[in-house]
């Protein structure tokens, strides 16, 4: 079925069409009244960026951020493709913690902080703040990668993968590990509990699993505009990579060789774009980084058949 020129599924169409205007009045989600409390101190337009990597990080995860800086986040230029890494945070009410965050950003200049409390329930605010920030500061980037801080990116494989899209003039890119026909959790004790008043239908539209996604900049721009007309939903992955692309008629695609468990991949040929540290093991992250470095030196990525 079509609504306002877009193909959207029957269930979500009802959710989208029946929304009252009072549900489109959130000052941040719909009116975009964001404040950047901390910024990187450098705009992407100062040097053309091929990729902006947005890393969703909780305020207190200092060690996790440093691991990324010490590993794949240390690559800012690969094959003459510039990469910007940005840690995305919300506010904290802890003054001591805030002071440490500000010191960290003074040292690294790679963090942004929005005017919303940093919590799991507020991840949708973090998502829309990210769209706001990219549109304001990095709108000339080619691709945006969104990851959680337990993800390792295989930069030597990702760059040629994205170069191939540029060479073929492929736009409207939204790629991820895709979830289909997922039912809302109706048990109140569940971390992902969704009440019938929040979403009354039996399934969600297709959406990206939270840990990572690849987007072309035109998708970022379209999503940012669409946030003003789509009702708030607290499950960030469903909202940001399900509701928004569905309204925009942007297809969600899962590539070959997309993501693999990090622990199982150490010392093996690195033929996936992303690796997820399910065990949250710090040593695994560093070992995987060595695996990626070795794989690149041995040109193992050239034999990966991912596109």
Protein backbone atom coordinates (compact mmCIF):
# COMPACT_ATOMS: atom_id res chain seq x y z
CA UNK A 1 0.00 0.00 0.00
CA UNK A 2 1.08 3.59 -0.56
CA UNK A 3 0.87 6.64 1.66
CA UNK A 4 2.28 10.07 0.80
CA UNK A 5 4.09 8.50 -2.12
CA UNK A 6 5.77 5.76 -0.09
CA UNK A 7 5.23 2.01 -0.03
CA UNK A 8 4.73 0.91 3.55
CA UNK A 9 3.38 -2.27 5.10
CA UNK A 10 -0.23 -2.47 6.18
CA UNK A 11 0.47 -2.78 9.91
CA UNK A 12 3.01 0.00 10.08
CA UNK A 13 0.88 2.09 7.74
CA UNK A 14 -1.89 2.05 10.32
CA UNK A 15 0.57 3.02 13.05
CA UNK A 16 1.95 5.82 10.90
CA UNK A 17 -1.32 7.17 9.50
CA UNK A 18 -3.28 7.13 12.73
CA UNK A 19 -0.79 9.14 14.75
CA UNK A 20 -2.16 12.33 16.24
CA UNK A 21 -0.31 15.62 15.92
CA UNK A 22 0.41 15.70 19.65
CA UNK A 23 2.67 12.67 19.14
CA UNK A 24 4.84 14.65 16.75
CA UNK A 25 5.75 17.41 19.18
CA UNK A 26 8.83 16.09 20.96
CA UNK A 27 11.33 18.98 21.04
CA UNK A 28 14.26 16.70 20.19
CA UNK A 29 12.89 13.91 18.01
CA UNK A 30 10.47 16.00 15.95
CA UNK A 31 11.62 19.60 16.38
CA UNK A 32 15.37 18.84 16.37
CA UNK A 33 16.16 21.24 19.19
CA UNK A 34 19.41 19.46 19.95
CA UNK A 35 22.37 21.04 21.65
CA UNK A 36 25.86 19.68 21.14
CA UNK A 37 27.23 19.86 24.67
CA UNK A 38 30.57 18.37 23.63
CA UNK A 39 31.93 18.42 20.12
CA UNK A 40 34.94 17.03 18.34
CA UNK A 41 36.32 20.50 17.72
CA UNK A 42 36.75 19.72 14.04
CA UNK A 43 34.27 19.68 11.21
CA UNK A 44 34.37 16.91 8.64
CA UNK A 45 34.24 19.44 5.84
CA UNK A 46 37.74 20.57 6.82
CA UNK A 47 38.98 17.44 5.05
CA UNK A 48 36.85 15.35 2.74
CA UNK A 49 35.71 12.25 4.61
CA UNK A 50 34.88 9.01 2.91
CA UNK A 51 33.40 7.45 6.05
CA UNK A 52 32.12 8.84 9.31
CA UNK A 53 32.00 6.11 11.96
CA UNK A 54 29.48 6.85 14.71
CA UNK A 55 30.26 4.77 17.79
CA UNK A 56 27.45 4.57 20.34
CA UNK A 57 29.11 4.57 23.72
CA UNK A 58 27.75 4.80 27.25
CA UNK A 59 29.17 7.66 29.29
CA UNK A 60 31.14 5.45 31.68
CA UNK A 61 32.80 3.22 29.05
CA UNK A 62 36.20 4.89 29.02
CA UNK A 63 38.12 1.64 28.47
CA UNK A 64 35.91 0.57 25.58
CA UNK A 65 36.53 3.84 23.78
CA UNK A 66 40.27 3.57 24.29
CA UNK A 67 40.35 0.02 22.90
CA UNK A 68 38.80 1.32 19.68
CA UNK A 69 41.30 4.19 19.50
CA UNK A 70 44.14 1.69 19.96
CA UNK A 71 42.89 -0.72 17.30
CA UNK A 72 40.90 -0.10 14.12
CA UNK A 73 40.09 3.46 15.22
CA UNK A 74 43.74 4.35 14.72
CA UNK A 75 43.25 4.12 10.94
CA UNK A 76 42.24 7.58 9.73
CA UNK A 77 43.46 7.14 6.16
CA UNK A 78 43.31 3.89 4.24
CA UNK A 79 44.08 3.81 0.51
CA UNK A 80 43.59 7.59 0.42
CA UNK A 81 40.13 7.29 1.94
CA UNK A 82 39.71 9.44 5.04
CA UNK A 83 37.81 8.10 8.03
CA UNK A 84 36.40 10.05 10.97
CA UNK A 85 35.57 8.23 14.22
CA UNK A 86 33.07 9.89 16.54
CA UNK A 87 31.90 8.55 19.91
CA UNK A 88 28.28 9.50 20.55
CA UNK A 89 27.23 10.11 24.17
CA UNK A 90 24.31 11.55 26.06
CA UNK A 91 24.32 13.55 29.27
CA UNK A 92 25.13 12.30 32.75
CA UNK A 93 23.92 13.74 36.05
CA UNK A 94 27.19 12.71 37.69
CA UNK A 95 29.42 15.80 37.79
CA UNK A 96 32.57 13.76 38.44
CA UNK A 97 31.87 11.50 35.48
CA UNK A 98 31.10 14.50 33.29
CA UNK A 99 34.41 16.07 34.24
CA UNK A 100 36.29 12.93 33.24
CA UNK A 101 34.42 12.81 29.92
CA UNK A 102 35.38 16.41 29.20
CA UNK A 103 39.03 15.67 29.96
CA UNK A 104 38.88 12.65 27.66
CA UNK A 105 37.49 14.76 24.85
CA UNK A 106 40.10 17.46 25.43
CA UNK A 107 42.75 14.80 24.84
CA UNK A 108 41.17 13.08 21.85
CA UNK A 109 38.67 15.45 20.23
CA UNK A 110 36.57 12.55 18.99
CA UNK A 111 33.42 12.74 21.15
CA UNK A 112 30.04 14.40 20.84
CA UNK A 113 27.44 14.70 23.58
CA UNK A 114 23.77 15.53 23.15
CA UNK A 115 21.29 17.15 25.53
CA UNK A 116 19.50 13.99 26.68
CA UNK A 117 20.26 11.55 29.49
CA UNK A 118 22.47 8.69 28.36
CA UNK A 119 20.43 5.54 28.99
CA UNK A 120 19.23 2.46 27.16
CA UNK A 121 15.70 3.84 26.99
CA UNK A 122 17.03 7.00 25.34
CA UNK A 123 18.89 5.35 22.46
CA UNK A 124 16.37 6.71 19.97
CA UNK A 125 17.39 10.22 21.07
CA UNK A 126 21.00 9.22 20.46
CA UNK A 127 20.05 7.98 16.99
CA UNK A 128 18.31 11.21 15.98
CA UNK A 129 21.06 13.31 17.57
CA UNK A 130 23.55 11.42 15.40
CA UNK A 131 21.53 12.26 12.28
CA UNK A 132 21.36 15.89 13.40
CA UNK A 133 25.11 16.06 13.99
CA UNK A 134 26.10 14.46 10.68
CA UNK A 135 23.75 16.77 8.79
CA UNK A 136 25.24 19.79 10.50
CA UNK A 137 28.94 18.91 10.61
CA UNK A 138 29.65 16.04 8.21
CA UNK A 139 27.10 16.38 5.44
CA UNK A 140 29.72 15.96 2.71
CA UNK A 141 30.82 12.50 3.85
CA UNK A 142 30.09 9.63 1.45
CA UNK A 143 29.13 6.90 3.94
CA UNK A 144 28.16 6.73 7.59
CA UNK A 145 28.80 3.63 9.67
CA UNK A 146 26.90 3.24 12.92
CA UNK A 147 28.34 0.75 15.42
CA UNK A 148 28.14 -0.19 19.06
CA UNK A 149 31.37 -0.18 21.04
CA UNK A 150 31.69 -3.98 21.00
CA UNK A 151 32.20 -4.01 17.22
CA UNK A 152 35.51 -4.25 15.36
CA UNK A 153 35.52 -2.95 11.79
CA UNK A 154 37.59 -4.71 9.14
CA UNK A 155 38.80 -1.48 7.52
CA UNK A 156 40.99 -3.20 4.86
CA UNK A 157 37.91 -5.03 3.59
CA UNK A 158 35.35 -2.28 4.17
CA UNK A 159 37.13 0.34 2.05
CA UNK A 160 37.24 -1.71 -1.20
CA UNK A 161 33.70 -2.89 -0.48
CA UNK A 162 32.45 0.70 -0.36
CA UNK A 163 34.69 1.77 -3.24
CA UNK A 164 32.85 -0.77 -5.35
CA UNK A 165 29.56 0.97 -4.56
CA UNK A 166 31.01 4.35 -5.49
CA UNK A 167 32.36 2.96 -8.76
CA UNK A 168 28.91 1.60 -9.60
CA UNK A 169 27.18 4.80 -8.44
CA UNK A 170 25.06 2.89 -5.94
CA UNK A 171 23.02 5.14 -3.64
CA UNK A 172 20.28 4.62 -1.04
CA UNK A 173 22.60 2.26 0.83
CA UNK A 174 21.26 0.81 4.07
CA UNK A 175 22.99 -2.44 4.93
CA UNK A 176 23.09 -4.47 8.11
CA UNK A 177 22.23 -7.77 9.74
CA UNK A 178 18.52 -7.66 8.99
CA UNK A 179 15.68 -8.78 11.25
CA UNK A 180 12.43 -9.93 9.64
CA UNK A 181 8.96 -10.52 11.11
CA UNK A 182 10.14 -9.85 14.65
CA UNK A 183 7.37 -9.82 17.24
CA UNK A 184 7.34 -7.27 20.06
CA UNK A 185 8.15 -8.57 23.54
CA UNK A 186 4.95 -8.42 25.55
CA UNK A 187 6.32 -9.66 28.88
CA UNK A 188 6.68 -6.66 31.24
CA UNK A 189 9.86 -8.09 32.78
CA UNK A 190 11.62 -8.12 29.41
CA UNK A 191 14.34 -5.58 28.69
CA UNK A 192 12.63 -4.97 25.35
CA UNK A 193 9.05 -4.89 26.64
CA UNK A 194 6.68 -3.13 24.25
CA UNK A 195 3.16 -2.38 25.43
CA UNK A 196 0.18 -2.57 23.11
CA UNK A 197 -0.32 1.16 23.58
CA UNK A 198 3.22 1.78 22.28
CA UNK A 199 2.85 -0.56 19.31
CA UNK A 200 -0.36 -2.60 18.95
CA UNK A 201 0.60 -4.78 15.99
CA UNK A 202 1.98 -8.35 15.99
CA UNK A 203 5.21 -7.72 14.03
CA UNK A 204 7.68 -4.92 13.34
CA UNK A 205 8.71 -3.92 9.84
CA UNK A 206 12.15 -5.25 8.80
CA UNK A 207 14.94 -3.51 10.73
CA UNK A 208 18.66 -3.66 11.40
CA UNK A 209 20.00 -5.50 14.41
CA UNK A 210 21.54 -2.86 16.65
CA UNK A 211 25.31 -3.47 16.59
CA UNK A 212 26.15 -2.04 13.16
CA UNK A 213 24.84 -0.60 9.91
CA UNK A 214 26.16 1.02 6.74
CA UNK A 215 24.39 4.05 5.27
CA UNK A 216 25.09 6.33 2.34
CA UNK A 217 24.90 10.03 3.12
CA UNK A 218 21.71 10.52 1.12
CA UNK A 219 20.00 7.97 3.38
CA UNK A 220 21.18 9.93 6.42
CA UNK A 221 19.70 13.13 4.99
CA UNK A 222 16.38 11.48 4.18
CA UNK A 223 16.13 9.83 7.58
CA UNK A 224 16.84 13.09 9.36
CA UNK A 225 13.97 14.79 7.55
CA UNK A 226 11.64 11.85 8.18
CA UNK A 227 12.13 12.01 11.95
CA UNK A 228 9.84 15.04 12.06
CA UNK A 229 6.85 13.02 10.81
CA UNK A 230 7.39 9.60 12.41
CA UNK A 231 6.14 9.05 15.98
CA UNK A 232 8.70 8.33 18.66
CA UNK A 233 9.42 4.71 19.50
CA UNK A 234 11.91 3.85 22.23
CA UNK A 235 13.48 0.78 20.58
CA UNK A 236 16.18 2.59 18.64
CA UNK A 237 16.97 -0.12 16.11
CA UNK A 238 13.29 -0.60 15.24
CA UNK A 239 12.71 3.15 14.98
CA UNK A 240 15.93 4.19 13.25
CA UNK A 241 16.41 1.31 10.83
CA UNK A 242 12.83 0.03 10.61
CA UNK A 243 10.28 2.83 10.84
CA UNK A 244 12.33 5.53 9.09
CA UNK A 245 13.45 3.54 6.02
CA UNK A 246 9.98 1.99 5.71
CA UNK A 247 8.40 5.43 5.46
CA UNK A 248 11.07 6.47 2.95
CA UNK A 249 10.77 3.28 0.89
CA UNK A 250 14.47 2.53 1.41
CA UNK A 251 15.29 -1.15 1.18
CA UNK A 252 17.28 -2.75 3.99
CA UNK A 253 19.91 -5.15 2.61
CA UNK A 254 22.08 -7.74 4.32
CA UNK A 255 25.38 -8.20 2.44
CA UNK A 256 27.37 -11.36 2.21
CA UNK A 257 30.26 -11.53 4.68
CA UNK A 258 28.59 -8.93 6.89
CA UNK A 259 29.26 -9.85 10.52
CA UNK A 260 30.77 -12.68 12.54
CA UNK A 261 31.54 -13.50 16.16
CA UNK A 262 34.91 -11.99 17.05
CA UNK A 263 36.13 -14.70 19.43
CA UNK A 264 35.61 -17.40 16.80
CA UNK A 265 37.41 -15.36 14.14
CA UNK A 266 40.76 -14.65 15.80
CA UNK A 267 43.68 -15.97 13.71
CA UNK A 268 41.38 -16.85 10.81
CA UNK A 269 41.17 -15.24 7.38
CA UNK A 270 39.34 -11.93 8.00
CA UNK A 271 36.59 -12.02 5.38
CA UNK A 272 33.79 -10.21 7.21
CA UNK A 273 33.13 -6.49 7.35
CA UNK A 274 32.36 -6.45 11.07
CA UNK A 275 33.16 -8.59 14.10
CA UNK A 276 31.14 -8.51 17.30
CA UNK A 277 32.74 -9.17 20.67
CA UNK A 278 29.88 -11.15 22.22
CA UNK A 279 32.08 -12.24 25.13
CA UNK A 280 33.16 -8.62 25.86
CA UNK A 281 36.71 -9.91 26.17
CA UNK A 282 39.31 -7.13 25.91
CA UNK A 283 42.13 -9.45 24.86
CA UNK A 284 39.95 -10.77 22.02
CA UNK A 285 39.61 -7.24 20.65
CA UNK A 286 43.38 -6.79 20.52
CA UNK A 287 43.92 -10.27 19.08
CA UNK A 288 41.36 -9.56 16.37
CA UNK A 289 43.18 -6.34 15.56
CA UNK A 290 46.38 -8.34 15.05
CA UNK A 291 44.45 -10.75 12.84
CA UNK A 292 43.22 -7.87 10.67
CA UNK A 293 46.69 -6.34 10.43
CA UNK A 294 48.22 -9.69 9.48
CA UNK A 295 45.46 -10.38 6.98
CA UNK A 296 46.08 -7.06 5.26
CA UNK A 297 49.85 -7.57 5.12
CA UNK A 298 49.31 -11.01 3.58
CA UNK A 299 46.65 -9.54 1.24
CA UNK A 300 44.14 -12.11 2.49
CA UNK A 301 41.27 -9.67 1.98
CA UNK A 302 41.84 -9.78 -1.77
CA UNK A 303 40.58 -13.36 -1.87
CA UNK A 304 37.42 -12.60 0.13
CA UNK A 305 34.38 -12.92 -2.12
CA UNK A 306 31.95 -10.53 -0.48
CA UNK A 307 30.57 -8.67 -3.48
